[in-house]
Amino acid sequence: VKSLAVEHEIPVIQPNTLKSVEEVEELASFEPELVIVAAFGRILPLEVLSLPKFGCLNVHPSLLPRHRGPSPIADAILCGDQVTGVTIMLMDAGMDSGAILAQRKIGISVMDTTGSLTSKLAQAGAELLIETLPQWLGGKLEPQPQNEAQVTYSKLITKEDGKIDWHLSAVEIWQRIRAFNPWPGCYTGWEGKRLKIHRATPLGDVAKGELGKVITLQKQVPVEVGVVTGEGILGLCQVQLEGKREMPVAEFVRGQRDFIGSILG
């Protein structure tokens, strides 16, 4: 957006919070009739919310009231949702609590990561906004309050969230690998180094052995290497050892013969 604005000589300001008097006055100097917010990551103060005639609209990447908060896309994957979407919302003083103008659903595939789902939702959000704006400005939409009984909240993700706990089930770890891709990434320890797991798949096999143990799988299984978890086996597909490139696990095992039978942690 900034690159396009600069190209067309449209003024660009980049306030950090919009909490200072100077920042609010600078925004007010534009005399905005409408403000659109996407991925700003801050709650707008009342002084800003009251500026535009047609209010402040937020393009939120979830089907509100589900997954309010800072990490709605990752949270949808972590919760095992099969469907998510985008919401055009009339902002109020709360966190993602404003009335809904429009929504569009998007399916979540088993291959989706936060990265891929973000791209899909960004496209859907842009299209929905273009469809919604003429109706909103023309007075043809009635904002619908959110159902507070259905509210869920996502939490702020940290780097530490990426460390794998092998006590979790294979499905839970698989969801975390997808949810934390591309950031912060899921990792475990092996021989004093960090081993990132970029892609994996949960298997229904009964897990035998110590938690975190690397095992070989039956030839009829498309995944050759697995890890014992708290429930089931996690099949490994793509891994990356600290300081090395990402590679298929079969290639990794050929170069690291002592990987099979080791304990990850």
Protein backbone atom coordinates (compact mmCIF):
# COMPACT_ATOMS: atom_id res chain seq x y z
CA VAL A 1 0.00 0.00 0.00
CA LYS A 2 2.79 2.41 0.91
CA SER A 3 4.70 1.71 -2.32
CA LEU A 4 1.61 2.39 -4.43
CA ALA A 5 0.79 5.53 -2.45
CA VAL A 6 4.31 6.92 -2.86
CA GLU A 7 4.21 6.11 -6.60
CA HIS A 8 1.04 8.23 -6.92
CA GLU A 9 2.36 11.00 -4.64
CA ILE A 10 -0.19 10.27 -1.94
CA PRO A 11 1.05 11.38 1.52
CA VAL A 12 2.05 8.53 3.84
CA ILE A 13 2.29 8.78 7.62
CA GLN A 14 3.44 5.89 9.83
CA PRO A 15 2.38 6.44 13.45
CA ASN A 16 3.34 3.80 16.01
CA THR A 17 0.25 3.88 18.22
CA LEU A 18 -2.05 6.84 17.39
CA LYS A 19 -2.13 7.58 21.13
CA SER A 20 -0.33 10.94 21.15
CA VAL A 21 -2.15 14.21 20.57
CA GLU A 22 0.21 15.05 17.70
CA GLU A 23 -0.52 11.78 15.89
CA VAL A 24 -4.27 12.19 16.23
CA GLU A 25 -4.10 15.79 15.03
CA GLU A 26 -2.03 14.75 12.02
CA LEU A 27 -4.63 12.13 11.08
CA ALA A 28 -7.46 14.63 11.68
CA SER A 29 -5.82 17.08 9.28
CA PHE A 30 -6.75 14.76 6.41
CA GLU A 31 -10.45 15.16 7.36
CA PRO A 32 -11.16 11.46 6.65
CA GLU A 33 -14.72 10.42 5.85
CA LEU A 34 -13.81 6.74 6.35
CA VAL A 35 -10.91 4.87 7.94
CA ILE A 36 -10.04 1.29 6.99
CA VAL A 37 -7.80 -0.77 9.26
CA ALA A 38 -6.06 -4.04 8.36
CA ALA A 39 -3.47 -5.82 10.53
CA PHE A 40 -2.63 -2.65 12.48
CA GLY A 41 -2.26 -4.58 15.74
CA ARG A 42 -3.39 -1.68 17.94
CA ILE A 43 -6.71 -0.61 19.46
CA LEU A 44 -7.69 2.77 18.04
CA PRO A 45 -8.41 5.47 20.68
CA LEU A 46 -11.86 7.04 20.83
CA GLU A 47 -10.43 10.29 19.40
CA VAL A 48 -9.63 8.43 16.18
CA LEU A 49 -12.79 6.30 16.09
CA SER A 50 -14.93 9.44 16.24
CA LEU A 51 -13.10 11.26 13.43
CA PRO A 52 -14.66 9.86 10.23
CA LYS A 53 -18.30 10.37 9.25
CA PHE A 54 -18.65 6.74 8.15
CA GLY A 55 -16.62 5.28 11.01
CA CYS A 56 -13.57 3.04 11.11
CA LEU A 57 -13.84 -0.35 9.41
CA ASN A 58 -11.57 -3.29 10.22
CA VAL A 59 -10.78 -6.16 7.85
CA HIS A 60 -10.39 -8.98 10.37
CA PRO A 61 -9.11 -12.44 9.28
CA SER A 62 -11.60 -14.64 11.12
CA LEU A 63 -15.33 -15.24 11.34
CA LEU A 64 -16.01 -13.03 14.34
CA PRO A 65 -16.84 -13.42 17.16
CA ARG A 66 -14.54 -16.47 16.88
CA HIS A 67 -10.78 -15.81 17.20
CA ARG A 68 -10.71 -12.23 18.39
CA GLY A 69 -7.25 -10.98 19.30
CA PRO A 70 -3.74 -10.83 17.83
CA SER A 71 -3.35 -14.26 16.16
CA PRO A 72 -6.67 -15.26 14.58
CA ILE A 73 -5.22 -17.10 11.57
CA ALA A 74 -2.83 -19.28 13.55
CA ASP A 75 -5.52 -19.85 16.17
CA ALA A 76 -7.95 -21.26 13.59
CA ILE A 77 -5.35 -23.89 12.63
CA LEU A 78 -4.43 -24.62 16.26
CA CYS A 79 -8.09 -25.23 17.07
CA GLY A 80 -8.53 -27.61 14.16
CA ASP A 81 -11.13 -25.44 12.41
CA GLN A 82 -12.10 -26.60 8.95
CA VAL A 83 -13.53 -23.21 7.98
CA THR A 84 -12.45 -19.64 8.72
CA GLY A 85 -12.99 -16.39 6.87
CA VAL A 86 -12.87 -12.61 6.91
CA THR A 87 -15.10 -10.09 8.63
CA ILE A 88 -15.69 -6.43 7.78
CA MET A 89 -16.40 -4.86 11.15
CA LEU A 90 -17.41 -1.39 12.36
CA MET A 91 -14.78 -0.70 15.00
CA ASP A 92 -15.56 0.28 18.57
CA ALA A 93 -13.43 0.81 21.68
CA GLY A 94 -13.07 -2.93 22.38
CA MET A 95 -10.80 -5.60 20.89
CA ASP A 96 -12.48 -6.87 17.70
CA SER A 97 -15.87 -6.40 19.38
CA GLY A 98 -17.57 -4.08 16.88
CA ALA A 99 -20.71 -4.79 14.86
CA ILE A 100 -20.40 -6.89 11.70
CA LEU A 101 -21.08 -5.49 8.23
CA ALA A 102 -20.12 -8.51 6.08
CA GLN A 103 -18.39 -11.88 6.23
CA ARG A 104 -16.97 -14.42 3.78
CA LYS A 105 -16.02 -18.02 4.56
CA ILE A 106 -12.79 -19.73 3.46
CA GLY A 107 -12.06 -23.44 3.82
CA ILE A 108 -8.91 -24.57 5.62
CA SER A 109 -7.10 -27.44 3.88
CA VAL A 110 -4.89 -29.97 5.68
CA MET A 111 -1.93 -28.46 3.81
CA ASP A 112 -2.62 -24.88 4.88
CA THR A 113 -0.16 -23.03 7.08
CA THR A 114 -0.56 -19.59 8.61
CA GLY A 115 1.45 -18.31 5.65
CA SER A 116 -0.75 -19.83 2.95
CA LEU A 117 -3.97 -19.05 4.80
CA THR A 118 -2.91 -15.44 5.29
CA SER A 119 -2.56 -15.04 1.52
CA LYS A 120 -6.01 -16.54 0.90
CA LEU A 121 -7.66 -14.37 3.56
CA ALA A 122 -5.90 -11.21 2.34
CA GLN A 123 -7.33 -11.75 -1.14
CA ALA A 124 -10.79 -12.58 0.20
CA GLY A 125 -10.70 -9.56 2.53
CA ALA A 126 -9.78 -7.18 -0.29
CA GLU A 127 -12.57 -8.51 -2.50
CA LEU A 128 -15.13 -8.36 0.30
CA LEU A 129 -14.13 -4.81 1.21
CA ILE A 130 -14.61 -3.65 -2.39
CA GLU A 131 -18.09 -5.23 -2.41
CA THR A 132 -19.03 -3.88 1.02
CA LEU A 133 -17.92 -0.25 0.80
CA PRO A 134 -20.53 0.97 -1.74
CA GLN A 135 -23.31 -0.63 0.32
CA TRP A 136 -22.03 0.86 3.58
CA LEU A 137 -21.52 4.34 2.14
CA GLY A 138 -24.93 4.12 0.48
CA GLY A 139 -26.68 3.37 3.76
CA LYS A 140 -27.75 -0.11 2.66
CA LEU A 141 -26.10 -2.09 5.47
CA GLU A 142 -27.27 -2.48 9.05
CA PRO A 143 -24.39 -3.43 11.38
CA GLN A 144 -25.13 -6.65 13.26
CA PRO A 145 -23.88 -6.97 16.87
CA GLN A 146 -21.64 -9.93 17.65
CA ASN A 147 -22.95 -12.83 19.70
CA GLU A 148 -20.95 -12.51 22.94
CA ALA A 149 -21.79 -16.11 23.88
CA GLN A 150 -19.69 -17.33 20.93
CA VAL A 151 -16.58 -15.23 21.59
CA THR A 152 -13.14 -16.89 21.63
CA TYR A 153 -9.77 -15.18 21.96
CA SER A 154 -6.42 -15.91 20.32
CA LYS A 155 -3.22 -15.24 22.23
CA LEU A 156 -0.07 -13.43 21.21
CA ILE A 157 2.42 -15.95 19.77
CA THR A 158 6.02 -15.90 21.00
CA LYS A 159 9.24 -17.56 19.79
CA GLU A 160 9.02 -19.98 22.70
CA ASP A 161 5.70 -21.35 21.40
CA GLY A 162 7.64 -23.01 18.59
CA LYS A 163 9.38 -25.54 20.85
CA ILE A 164 7.73 -28.94 20.45
CA ASP A 165 6.39 -30.75 23.51
CA TRP A 166 6.37 -34.44 22.62
CA HIS A 167 3.84 -35.09 25.41
CA LEU A 168 1.22 -33.57 23.11
CA SER A 169 -0.63 -35.74 20.60
CA ALA A 170 0.58 -36.12 17.02
CA VAL A 171 -2.44 -34.14 15.81
CA GLU A 172 -1.75 -31.26 18.20
CA ILE A 173 1.91 -31.07 17.20
CA TRP A 174 0.96 -31.22 13.50
CA GLN A 175 -1.45 -28.32 14.02
CA ARG A 176 1.27 -26.32 15.75
CA ILE A 177 3.74 -26.98 12.92
CA ARG A 178 1.24 -25.56 10.45
CA ALA A 179 0.08 -22.72 12.70
CA PHE A 180 3.63 -21.54 13.46
CA ASN A 181 4.75 -21.60 9.82
CA PRO A 182 6.39 -19.28 8.78
CA TRP A 183 6.89 -17.78 12.27
CA PRO A 184 8.20 -18.72 14.77
CA GLY A 185 8.55 -22.21 13.26
CA CYS A 186 8.39 -25.48 15.19
CA TYR A 187 11.61 -27.00 16.46
CA THR A 188 13.05 -29.64 18.73
CA GLY A 189 16.53 -30.49 19.98
CA TRP A 190 18.84 -33.13 18.50
CA GLU A 191 22.48 -33.67 19.47
CA GLY A 192 22.74 -30.18 20.95
CA LYS A 193 21.37 -28.48 17.83
CA ARG A 194 17.99 -27.11 16.87
CA LEU A 195 16.04 -29.23 14.39
CA LYS A 196 13.18 -27.43 12.67
CA ILE A 197 10.23 -29.47 11.43
CA HIS A 198 8.71 -27.68 8.46
CA ARG A 199 6.20 -30.31 7.39
CA ALA A 200 4.79 -33.39 9.06
CA THR A 201 1.67 -35.53 9.18
CA PRO A 202 -0.12 -37.23 12.09
CA LEU A 203 -0.42 -41.03 11.85
CA GLY A 204 -2.98 -43.17 13.61
CA ASP A 205 -0.46 -45.83 14.58
CA VAL A 206 -0.13 -46.75 18.24
CA ALA A 207 3.00 -45.08 19.59
CA LYS A 208 5.52 -47.48 21.16
CA GLY A 209 8.65 -46.31 22.91
CA GLU A 210 9.93 -43.26 24.75
CA LEU A 211 8.39 -39.87 23.96
CA GLY A 212 10.35 -38.10 21.25
CA LYS A 213 11.97 -41.30 19.94
CA VAL A 214 12.67 -41.36 16.21
CA ILE A 215 11.50 -44.58 14.56
CA THR A 216 11.29 -46.09 11.10
CA LEU A 217 7.85 -46.83 9.72
CA GLN A 218 6.46 -49.67 7.66
CA LYS A 219 7.21 -49.53 3.96
CA GLN A 220 3.54 -49.29 3.03
CA VAL A 221 3.31 -45.95 4.86
CA PRO A 222 4.18 -43.03 2.54
CA VAL A 223 6.18 -41.42 5.37
CA GLU A 224 9.36 -43.33 6.27
CA VAL A 225 10.31 -41.72 9.60
CA GLY A 226 8.16 -40.93 12.61
CA VAL A 227 8.41 -39.66 16.18
CA VAL A 228 6.64 -41.10 19.22
CA THR A 229 4.26 -38.57 20.78
CA GLY A 230 1.88 -38.55 23.71
CA GLU A 231 -0.78 -39.96 21.40
CA GLY A 232 0.05 -41.44 18.01
CA ILE A 233 3.07 -41.06 15.78
CA LEU A 234 4.08 -37.89 13.99
CA GLY A 235 5.39 -38.66 10.51
CA LEU A 236 8.22 -36.34 9.47
CA CYS A 237 8.30 -34.92 5.93
CA GLN A 238 10.57 -31.85 5.75
CA VAL A 239 13.21 -30.96 8.34
CA GLN A 240 16.09 -28.52 8.73
CA LEU A 241 19.04 -28.92 11.05
CA GLU A 242 20.51 -25.76 12.52
CA GLY A 243 22.95 -24.23 10.03
CA LYS A 244 21.73 -26.45 7.16
CA ARG A 245 19.13 -26.16 4.41
CA GLU A 246 15.62 -27.55 4.56
CA MET A 247 15.35 -31.05 3.07
CA PRO A 248 13.10 -34.13 2.84
CA VAL A 249 13.53 -36.32 5.91
CA ALA A 250 14.68 -39.30 3.79
CA GLU A 251 17.59 -37.22 2.51
CA PHE A 252 18.36 -36.04 6.03
CA VAL A 253 18.46 -39.60 7.37
CA ARG A 254 20.87 -40.71 4.64
CA GLY A 255 23.34 -38.12 5.90
CA GLN A 256 22.62 -38.63 9.61
CA ARG A 257 22.62 -42.41 10.22
CA ASP A 258 22.34 -42.04 13.99
CA PHE A 259 19.09 -40.04 13.73
CA ILE A 260 16.93 -43.19 13.82
CA GLY A 261 16.56 -44.37 17.40
CA SER A 262 17.59 -41.04 18.92
CA ILE A 263 15.44 -39.05 21.35
CA LEU A 264 14.34 -35.57 20.36
CA GLY A 265 13.77 -32.96 23.04
